[in-house]
Amino acid sequence: MDTKNNKSKDILFILLFGILLFGISIYLIFFKEPMLVSTQEKRNLINFSELKDTSFFDGSFQTTIDKAFADQFIYRYEIVKIKNILDVKASELFIPRSNDEYKLTKVGDTPITRVGNSYYMINSLFLDYDPELEVRFLRRTQQINELAEDYPDIEMYLYKPTQGHETSIFDEANEVETYGEYYRDLLKDNLKIPYAELEIKDIDDYKNYYLQSDHHWSYQGSYQGYVDIVRLMFGENEEVLTPTELKTFNDELIFSGTFSSRTGYVYPGEPFYVYTFDLPDYSVYLDGKKQKIYDMNTFEENLENLDTYYAYSIANYTYGDDAIYQSEYEDKETLLLIGDSYAAAVEPLLMEHFSTIYSIQPKGYFLKYWQKFDYDKFLAEHHVDKILFMYTVEYYFYTDEYGDHAELFDIHRSKGD
């Protein structure tokens, strides 16, 4: 009798579980508003509308529906977060803790690695040589060289905000040979314009210059970048701004950046600091409209005014993808700055050296206007004394689910068309 009751309970449980799964499936496919982007994981999510472009016979239908269920499942991010935490805890059980601060450990099944026993994280290293990457780097140098040749009266410069995964400082401890510096040398050796980069000689440089939980540089890194850029464009005798104060907020302002979000916040956040400066009076215009100033000096007051907890972007605010900065110095030079989110950290400081900065971020510019930034057209319409190319290396070659980043950052020209 007990055996029959147990079998009945088992069958009932299976039926109820099956009905539950079926109900969830119907809800996910037909009723739930699809999530298109994961802001925590910084990627597009697969949804069921993409099934219309698949075929059962080539396997694309099965692959897409599996990914759609995984990406659209209820409480998916909470589940992913728990999984990442369990992955990290499990890996720490089986991977001996190392006192080598250069040793890298993968965080769960993410492309992020932990630096030593610290809470610093970096992207995976440049491990392999890829001839396609070489072609893309060389293509960019050729484009820049041709632009410089066609506009000899405009001084052009390239500054590279080197990231940790581009260096070779981790090679020996991890018994690998990486190619980040090889690609760097392709730029240095083939460019015909002045070049400089954020130099990372050892682990101390990396920890000083970068946030531990984010891919952006710290207050020290962005300041060093500013000094490097001024030396690159004006020489050693140009006077630079010096910090007036280091604001630590009593270590109570805790920041968790993109590396934290991509790994499910398995490691604690970090105190966020900013330098302040005696900046010149400047204004910012976007689409002809004057903007409220957001920079390191106004960081504290703007913490409560902006709908974001991403402290880096509050201290280093990107107004738009074609913003215009104008300083009180009407007699100084004008700069065209081609950059990314790193540029926002140095633009307020560079206002000490320029009357006008035209700030262009090519990826966002394309998404705004659905056309690539046209160098020839812009230079025909605006007086520019200097051009600074300042963006991270992924924009020389990177392709992901958002598209071909390198193509958007190519030097698009209309002259002669």
Protein backbone atom coordinates (compact mmCIF):
# COMPACT_ATOMS: atom_id res chain seq x y z
CA MET A 1 0.00 0.00 0.00
CA ASP A 2 2.80 2.38 0.96
CA THR A 3 4.54 1.61 -2.33
CA LYS A 4 1.44 2.53 -4.33
CA ASN A 5 1.03 5.77 -2.33
CA ASN A 6 4.67 6.67 -2.95
CA LYS A 7 4.31 6.02 -6.69
CA SER A 8 1.15 8.14 -6.77
CA LYS A 9 2.97 10.96 -4.99
CA ASP A 10 5.88 10.69 -7.43
CA ILE A 11 3.55 10.79 -10.44
CA LEU A 12 1.63 13.74 -8.96
CA PHE A 13 4.87 15.62 -8.28
CA ILE A 14 6.10 14.99 -11.84
CA LEU A 15 2.78 16.17 -13.27
CA LEU A 16 2.74 19.31 -11.13
CA PHE A 17 6.36 20.05 -11.98
CA GLY A 18 5.64 19.52 -15.68
CA ILE A 19 2.60 21.80 -15.53
CA LEU A 20 4.70 24.43 -13.74
CA LEU A 21 7.42 24.30 -16.40
CA PHE A 22 4.82 24.40 -19.17
CA GLY A 23 3.13 27.40 -17.56
CA ILE A 24 6.44 29.22 -17.18
CA SER A 25 7.28 28.48 -20.82
CA ILE A 26 3.92 29.88 -22.03
CA TYR A 27 4.42 32.96 -19.85
CA LEU A 28 7.97 33.55 -21.11
CA ILE A 29 7.09 33.11 -24.78
CA PHE A 30 3.72 34.86 -25.05
CA PHE A 31 3.20 37.19 -22.08
CA LYS A 32 6.44 38.30 -20.46
CA GLU A 33 7.92 41.57 -21.71
CA PRO A 34 11.28 40.50 -23.17
CA MET A 35 14.49 41.79 -21.61
CA LEU A 36 16.65 43.07 -24.47
CA VAL A 37 19.78 44.16 -22.60
CA SER A 38 21.44 43.06 -19.37
CA THR A 39 22.90 46.21 -17.84
CA GLN A 40 24.60 44.09 -15.18
CA GLU A 41 26.33 41.82 -17.70
CA LYS A 42 26.74 44.56 -20.37
CA ARG A 43 25.38 42.44 -23.24
CA ASN A 44 22.33 41.95 -25.44
CA LEU A 45 19.95 39.19 -24.42
CA ILE A 46 18.42 36.60 -26.74
CA ASN A 47 14.62 36.75 -26.92
CA PHE A 48 11.99 34.57 -28.56
CA SER A 49 11.28 36.97 -31.43
CA GLU A 50 14.64 35.87 -32.89
CA LEU A 51 13.25 32.39 -33.56
CA LYS A 52 11.64 33.61 -36.79
CA ASP A 53 15.05 33.80 -38.45
CA THR A 54 16.09 30.25 -37.46
CA SER A 55 15.73 26.80 -38.96
CA PHE A 56 15.10 23.50 -37.20
CA PHE A 57 17.16 21.63 -39.81
CA ASP A 58 20.45 23.47 -39.30
CA GLY A 59 20.15 23.46 -35.50
CA SER A 60 19.77 27.24 -35.19
CA PHE A 61 16.21 26.90 -33.83
CA GLN A 62 17.29 24.59 -31.01
CA THR A 63 20.28 26.78 -30.13
CA THR A 64 18.28 30.01 -30.14
CA ILE A 65 15.38 28.66 -28.09
CA ASP A 66 17.79 27.30 -25.47
CA LYS A 67 19.53 30.67 -25.23
CA ALA A 68 16.21 32.53 -25.17
CA PHE A 69 14.90 30.46 -22.26
CA ALA A 70 18.18 31.02 -20.40
CA ASP A 71 18.21 34.78 -21.05
CA GLN A 72 14.49 35.42 -20.49
CA PHE A 73 13.95 33.12 -17.51
CA ILE A 74 12.29 34.72 -14.50
CA TYR A 75 14.80 35.96 -11.90
CA ARG A 76 17.56 35.05 -14.33
CA TYR A 77 20.06 37.58 -13.05
CA GLU A 78 19.56 36.51 -9.43
CA ILE A 79 20.17 32.92 -10.55
CA VAL A 80 23.28 33.94 -12.54
CA LYS A 81 24.58 35.86 -9.54
CA ILE A 82 24.16 32.86 -7.23
CA LYS A 83 25.83 30.62 -9.83
CA ASN A 84 28.81 32.97 -10.12
CA ILE A 85 29.22 33.08 -6.37
CA LEU A 86 29.11 29.27 -6.17
CA ASP A 87 31.59 28.99 -9.08
CA VAL A 88 34.02 31.32 -7.36
CA LYS A 89 33.72 29.58 -3.99
CA ALA A 90 34.18 26.19 -5.66
CA SER A 91 37.25 27.35 -7.59
CA GLU A 92 38.78 28.70 -4.38
CA LEU A 93 38.39 25.26 -2.83
CA PHE A 94 40.34 23.52 -5.60
CA ILE A 95 42.80 26.22 -6.67
CA PRO A 96 45.48 26.78 -4.04
CA ARG A 97 45.70 30.36 -2.82
CA SER A 98 48.86 31.98 -4.14
CA ASN A 99 50.96 34.67 -2.54
CA ASP A 100 52.11 35.69 -6.02
CA GLU A 101 50.37 39.01 -6.65
CA TYR A 102 50.79 38.51 -10.43
CA LYS A 103 48.94 35.19 -10.48
CA LEU A 104 45.60 35.38 -12.31
CA THR A 105 42.56 33.28 -11.44
CA LYS A 106 39.47 33.08 -13.61
CA VAL A 107 36.31 34.30 -11.86
CA GLY A 108 33.76 31.52 -12.35
CA ASP A 109 33.01 30.97 -16.04
CA THR A 110 33.33 34.68 -16.92
CA PRO A 111 36.06 36.23 -19.11
CA ILE A 112 37.24 38.18 -16.03
CA THR A 113 40.32 37.23 -14.01
CA ARG A 114 41.25 38.09 -10.43
CA VAL A 115 44.68 39.58 -9.79
CA GLY A 116 46.54 37.67 -7.07
CA ASN A 117 44.61 37.52 -3.82
CA SER A 118 43.41 41.10 -4.21
CA TYR A 119 39.97 42.14 -5.40
CA TYR A 120 41.42 43.72 -8.54
CA MET A 121 40.04 42.24 -11.75
CA ILE A 122 41.03 42.50 -15.41
CA ASN A 123 39.82 41.16 -18.73
CA SER A 124 41.45 38.02 -20.11
CA LEU A 125 44.94 38.59 -21.50
CA PHE A 126 45.94 38.91 -25.15
CA LEU A 127 47.11 35.30 -25.36
CA ASP A 128 47.44 34.53 -29.05
CA TYR A 129 48.73 36.11 -32.19
CA ASP A 130 45.93 36.76 -34.65
CA PRO A 131 46.82 37.89 -38.19
CA GLU A 132 43.38 39.53 -38.52
CA LEU A 133 44.13 41.73 -35.50
CA GLU A 134 47.43 42.71 -37.05
CA VAL A 135 45.65 43.73 -40.25
CA ARG A 136 43.18 45.85 -38.29
CA PHE A 137 45.87 47.65 -36.29
CA LEU A 138 47.88 48.37 -39.41
CA ARG A 139 44.78 49.56 -41.25
CA ARG A 140 44.12 52.12 -38.54
CA THR A 141 47.70 53.41 -38.56
CA GLN A 142 47.54 53.79 -42.34
CA GLN A 143 44.27 55.73 -42.09
CA ILE A 144 45.70 58.09 -39.47
CA ASN A 145 48.90 58.60 -41.44
CA GLU A 146 46.96 59.46 -44.58
CA LEU A 147 44.81 61.95 -42.67
CA ALA A 148 47.95 63.60 -41.26
CA GLU A 149 49.48 63.84 -44.74
CA ASP A 150 46.35 65.47 -46.15
CA TYR A 151 46.15 68.05 -43.32
CA PRO A 152 49.79 69.09 -42.68
CA ASP A 153 48.72 72.30 -40.87
CA ILE A 154 46.90 70.30 -38.16
CA GLU A 155 49.05 68.65 -35.48
CA MET A 156 47.89 65.10 -34.77
CA TYR A 157 48.67 62.84 -31.80
CA LEU A 158 47.73 59.41 -30.51
CA TYR A 159 47.48 58.51 -26.82
CA LYS A 160 46.64 54.98 -25.69
CA PRO A 161 45.11 54.41 -22.22
CA THR A 162 46.82 51.03 -21.70
CA GLN A 163 44.75 48.49 -19.76
CA GLY A 164 46.08 45.66 -17.60
CA HIS A 165 45.27 42.87 -20.02
CA GLU A 166 47.41 44.52 -22.73
CA THR A 167 50.64 44.29 -20.77
CA SER A 168 53.12 41.43 -20.34
CA ILE A 169 53.56 41.92 -16.59
CA PHE A 170 51.45 38.83 -15.86
CA ASP A 171 53.15 36.51 -18.38
CA GLU A 172 55.85 34.94 -16.22
CA ALA A 173 53.68 34.16 -13.19
CA ASN A 174 51.01 32.57 -15.37
CA GLU A 175 53.41 30.81 -17.79
CA VAL A 176 51.91 32.42 -20.89
CA GLU A 177 53.13 34.54 -23.77
CA THR A 178 50.76 37.38 -24.57
CA TYR A 179 50.66 39.69 -27.57
CA GLY A 180 49.28 42.95 -26.18
CA GLU A 181 52.66 44.64 -26.42
CA TYR A 182 53.17 43.24 -29.91
CA TYR A 183 50.02 45.02 -31.10
CA ARG A 184 51.14 48.13 -29.20
CA ASP A 185 54.40 48.10 -31.13
CA LEU A 186 52.47 47.92 -34.40
CA LEU A 187 51.02 51.31 -33.51
CA LYS A 188 54.25 52.86 -32.28
CA ASP A 189 56.40 51.64 -35.16
CA ASN A 190 54.01 52.44 -37.99
CA LEU A 191 52.42 55.73 -36.95
CA LYS A 192 53.91 58.88 -38.44
CA ILE A 193 52.43 61.10 -35.72
CA PRO A 194 53.61 61.47 -32.08
CA TYR A 195 52.55 58.58 -29.85
CA ALA A 196 52.35 58.09 -26.07
CA GLU A 197 50.61 55.69 -23.73
CA LEU A 198 49.80 55.12 -20.08
CA GLU A 199 52.82 53.10 -18.97
CA ILE A 200 52.17 50.12 -16.69
CA LYS A 201 55.55 48.76 -15.60
CA ASP A 202 54.42 46.57 -12.70
CA ILE A 203 51.51 45.56 -10.49
CA ASP A 204 51.81 48.72 -8.39
CA ASP A 205 51.31 50.89 -11.48
CA TYR A 206 48.24 48.91 -12.43
CA LYS A 207 46.69 49.16 -8.97
CA ASN A 208 47.42 52.88 -8.79
CA TYR A 209 46.02 53.69 -12.21
CA TYR A 210 42.90 51.49 -12.34
CA LEU A 211 39.79 50.84 -10.31
CA GLN A 212 39.74 47.33 -8.85
CA SER A 213 36.16 46.53 -9.88
CA ASP A 214 35.94 48.41 -13.18
CA HIS A 215 37.67 48.68 -16.56
CA HIS A 216 38.19 52.45 -16.21
CA TRP A 217 41.15 54.19 -14.68
CA SER A 218 41.13 55.60 -11.16
CA TYR A 219 41.53 59.24 -10.15
CA GLN A 220 45.31 58.66 -10.24
CA GLY A 221 45.20 56.99 -13.65
CA SER A 222 43.11 59.70 -15.27
CA TYR A 223 45.37 62.40 -13.82
CA GLN A 224 48.46 60.61 -15.14
CA GLY A 225 46.71 60.32 -18.51
CA TYR A 226 46.09 64.08 -18.51
CA VAL A 227 49.74 64.81 -17.70
CA ASP A 228 50.90 62.38 -20.41
CA ILE A 229 48.64 64.02 -23.00
CA VAL A 230 49.81 67.54 -22.15
CA ARG A 231 53.45 66.44 -22.41
CA LEU A 232 52.69 64.71 -25.72
CA MET A 233 51.02 67.75 -27.30
CA PHE A 234 52.87 70.67 -25.71
CA GLY A 235 56.18 69.33 -24.40
CA GLU A 236 57.77 69.18 -20.96
CA ASN A 237 57.65 72.94 -20.34
CA GLU A 238 53.85 73.24 -20.46
CA GLU A 239 52.48 73.85 -16.97
CA VAL A 240 49.89 71.29 -15.87
CA LEU A 241 47.10 71.55 -13.35
CA THR A 242 47.82 70.02 -9.96
CA PRO A 243 45.16 68.54 -7.67
CA THR A 244 43.80 70.88 -5.03
CA GLU A 245 42.28 68.14 -2.87
CA LEU A 246 41.84 64.37 -2.65
CA LYS A 247 38.29 63.58 -1.57
CA THR A 248 38.05 60.19 0.13
CA PHE A 249 34.53 60.56 1.60
CA ASN A 250 35.85 58.77 4.72
CA ASP A 251 35.95 55.55 2.66
CA GLU A 252 32.16 55.39 2.93
CA LEU A 253 31.39 55.85 -0.80
CA ILE A 254 31.63 52.26 -2.08
CA PHE A 255 31.77 51.62 -5.82
CA SER A 256 31.19 48.38 -7.74
CA GLY A 257 31.95 48.69 -11.45
CA THR A 258 31.57 46.71 -14.64
CA PHE A 259 33.84 43.84 -13.58
CA SER A 260 31.70 43.45 -10.45
CA SER A 261 28.47 43.40 -12.44
CA ARG A 262 29.82 40.92 -14.99
CA THR A 263 30.86 38.52 -12.23
CA GLY A 264 27.68 38.78 -10.16
CA TYR A 265 29.19 41.02 -7.46
CA VAL A 266 31.08 38.10 -5.91
CA TYR A 267 33.73 40.45 -4.50
CA PRO A 268 33.16 43.51 -2.31
CA GLY A 269 33.19 47.02 -3.74
CA GLU A 270 35.92 49.60 -3.25
CA PRO A 271 36.07 53.11 -1.79
CA PHE A 272 35.76 55.71 -4.55
CA TYR A 273 38.05 58.76 -4.51
CA VAL A 274 38.31 61.87 -6.68
CA TYR A 275 40.82 64.66 -7.15
CA THR A 276 39.52 68.21 -7.41
CA PHE A 277 41.23 70.98 -9.40
CA ASP A 278 41.28 74.73 -9.88
CA LEU A 279 39.62 74.45 -13.28
CA PRO A 280 39.07 77.38 -15.65
CA ASP A 281 35.51 78.49 -16.29
CA TYR A 282 34.13 76.42 -19.14
CA SER A 283 30.82 75.56 -20.77
CA VAL A 284 29.61 72.43 -22.53
CA TYR A 285 27.17 72.41 -25.44
CA LEU A 286 25.26 69.49 -26.90
CA ASP A 287 23.07 69.99 -29.96
CA GLY A 288 23.46 73.74 -29.46
CA LYS A 289 22.14 73.66 -25.87
CA LYS A 290 24.25 74.62 -22.89
CA GLN A 291 24.61 71.77 -20.41
CA LYS A 292 24.87 71.61 -16.62
CA ILE A 293 28.49 70.99 -15.62
CA TYR A 294 29.29 67.51 -14.35
CA ASP A 295 32.93 66.90 -13.46
CA MET A 296 35.18 65.91 -10.55
CA ASN A 297 34.62 69.30 -8.87
CA THR A 298 30.83 68.94 -8.91
CA PHE A 299 30.85 65.20 -8.16
CA GLU A 300 29.46 65.42 -4.63
CA GLU A 301 26.50 67.65 -5.47
CA ASN A 302 25.66 65.56 -8.54
CA LEU A 303 25.64 62.23 -6.69
CA GLU A 304 22.04 62.92 -5.67
CA ASN A 305 20.94 64.51 -8.93
CA LEU A 306 21.77 61.72 -11.38
CA ASP A 307 19.82 58.49 -11.71
CA THR A 308 22.87 56.23 -11.58
CA TYR A 309 25.13 54.61 -9.03
CA TYR A 310 27.98 54.29 -11.51
CA ALA A 311 30.34 56.68 -9.75
CA TYR A 312 32.92 56.80 -12.55
CA SER A 313 30.44 58.32 -14.99
CA ILE A 314 29.25 60.90 -12.44
CA ALA A 315 32.80 62.11 -11.78
CA ASN A 316 33.73 61.77 -15.47
CA TYR A 317 30.53 62.60 -17.29
CA THR A 318 29.96 61.94 -20.99
CA TYR A 319 27.52 64.59 -22.21
CA GLY A 320 27.04 63.11 -25.63
CA ASP A 321 28.89 61.78 -28.61
CA ASP A 322 29.52 65.16 -30.26
CA ALA A 323 29.80 67.62 -27.37
CA ILE A 324 31.59 70.99 -27.55
CA TYR A 325 33.64 72.29 -24.61
CA GLN A 326 34.43 76.02 -24.54
CA SER A 327 36.79 77.61 -22.00
CA GLU A 328 37.32 81.20 -20.89
CA TYR A 329 40.57 81.29 -22.92
CA GLU A 330 39.49 82.64 -26.30
CA ASP A 331 43.06 83.01 -27.60
CA LYS A 332 44.12 79.37 -27.10
CA GLU A 333 44.08 76.54 -29.67
CA THR A 334 41.20 74.27 -30.63
CA LEU A 335 41.26 70.49 -30.27
CA LEU A 336 39.33 67.70 -31.96
CA LEU A 337 39.36 64.77 -29.52
CA ILE A 338 38.35 61.36 -30.89
CA GLY A 339 37.72 59.22 -27.82
CA ASP A 340 35.58 56.93 -25.72
CA SER A 341 34.45 56.94 -22.08
CA TYR A 342 38.04 57.48 -20.94
CA ALA A 343 38.07 60.93 -22.56
CA ALA A 344 35.52 62.37 -20.11
CA ALA A 345 38.08 62.05 -17.30
CA VAL A 346 40.59 64.38 -18.99
CA GLU A 347 38.44 66.82 -20.96
CA PRO A 348 37.72 69.21 -18.05
CA LEU A 349 41.46 69.33 -17.28
CA LEU A 350 42.39 69.94 -20.91
CA MET A 351 40.22 73.07 -20.87
CA GLU A 352 43.20 74.73 -19.16
CA HIS A 353 45.07 74.38 -22.47
CA PHE A 354 42.42 74.96 -25.16
CA SER A 355 39.74 77.46 -26.06
CA THR A 356 37.51 74.79 -27.61
CA ILE A 357 37.43 71.00 -27.56
CA TYR A 358 35.22 69.14 -30.03
CA SER A 359 34.61 65.79 -28.33
CA ILE A 360 33.60 62.98 -30.69
CA GLN A 361 32.88 59.37 -29.66
CA PRO A 362 32.52 57.54 -33.01
CA LYS A 363 30.45 54.58 -31.82
CA GLY A 364 27.80 56.73 -30.14
CA TYR A 365 28.00 59.25 -32.98
CA PHE A 366 27.01 56.52 -35.44
CA LEU A 367 24.13 55.34 -33.25
CA LYS A 368 22.91 58.93 -32.94
CA TYR A 369 23.07 59.94 -36.60
CA TRP A 370 23.25 56.54 -38.34
CA GLN A 371 26.32 57.68 -40.23
CA LYS A 372 30.03 57.57 -39.52
CA PHE A 373 31.87 60.67 -38.40
CA ASP A 374 33.22 62.36 -41.55
CA TYR A 375 36.65 63.87 -40.90
CA ASP A 376 36.86 65.82 -44.16
CA LYS A 377 33.43 67.38 -43.74
CA PHE A 378 34.08 68.32 -40.12
CA LEU A 379 37.49 69.88 -40.84
CA ALA A 380 36.01 71.87 -43.72
CA GLU A 381 33.42 73.37 -41.37
CA HIS A 382 35.48 73.87 -38.18
CA HIS A 383 38.86 75.40 -37.40
CA VAL A 384 41.00 72.80 -35.65
CA ASP A 385 44.63 73.23 -34.51
CA LYS A 386 45.19 69.78 -33.05
CA ILE A 387 43.62 66.31 -33.27
CA LEU A 388 44.02 63.77 -30.46
CA PHE A 389 43.11 60.11 -30.97
CA MET A 390 42.52 58.76 -27.47
CA TYR A 391 40.67 55.50 -27.01
CA THR A 392 41.34 51.98 -25.79
CA VAL A 393 42.63 49.19 -28.03
CA GLU A 394 39.32 47.36 -28.48
CA TYR A 395 38.33 50.12 -30.87
CA TYR A 396 41.18 49.10 -33.16
CA PHE A 397 39.83 45.60 -33.60
CA TYR A 398 36.92 44.65 -31.34
CA THR A 399 33.78 42.94 -32.63
CA ASP A 400 30.98 41.74 -30.34
CA GLU A 401 27.21 41.42 -30.21
CA TYR A 402 26.94 45.21 -30.52
CA GLY A 403 28.74 45.19 -33.87
CA ASP A 404 32.15 45.92 -35.30
CA HIS A 405 33.67 48.56 -33.02
CA ALA A 406 36.78 48.87 -35.18
CA GLU A 407 34.75 49.72 -38.27
CA LEU A 408 32.90 52.51 -36.45
CA PHE A 409 36.24 54.00 -35.34
CA ASP A 410 37.77 53.81 -38.83
CA ILE A 411 38.84 57.16 -40.30
CA HIS A 412 35.89 57.83 -42.59
CA ARG A 413 36.70 60.31 -45.37
CA SER A 414 34.41 61.95 -47.93
CA LYS A 415 37.06 63.93 -49.83
CA GLY A 416 37.28 62.70 -53.38
CA ASP A 417 34.01 60.71 -53.20
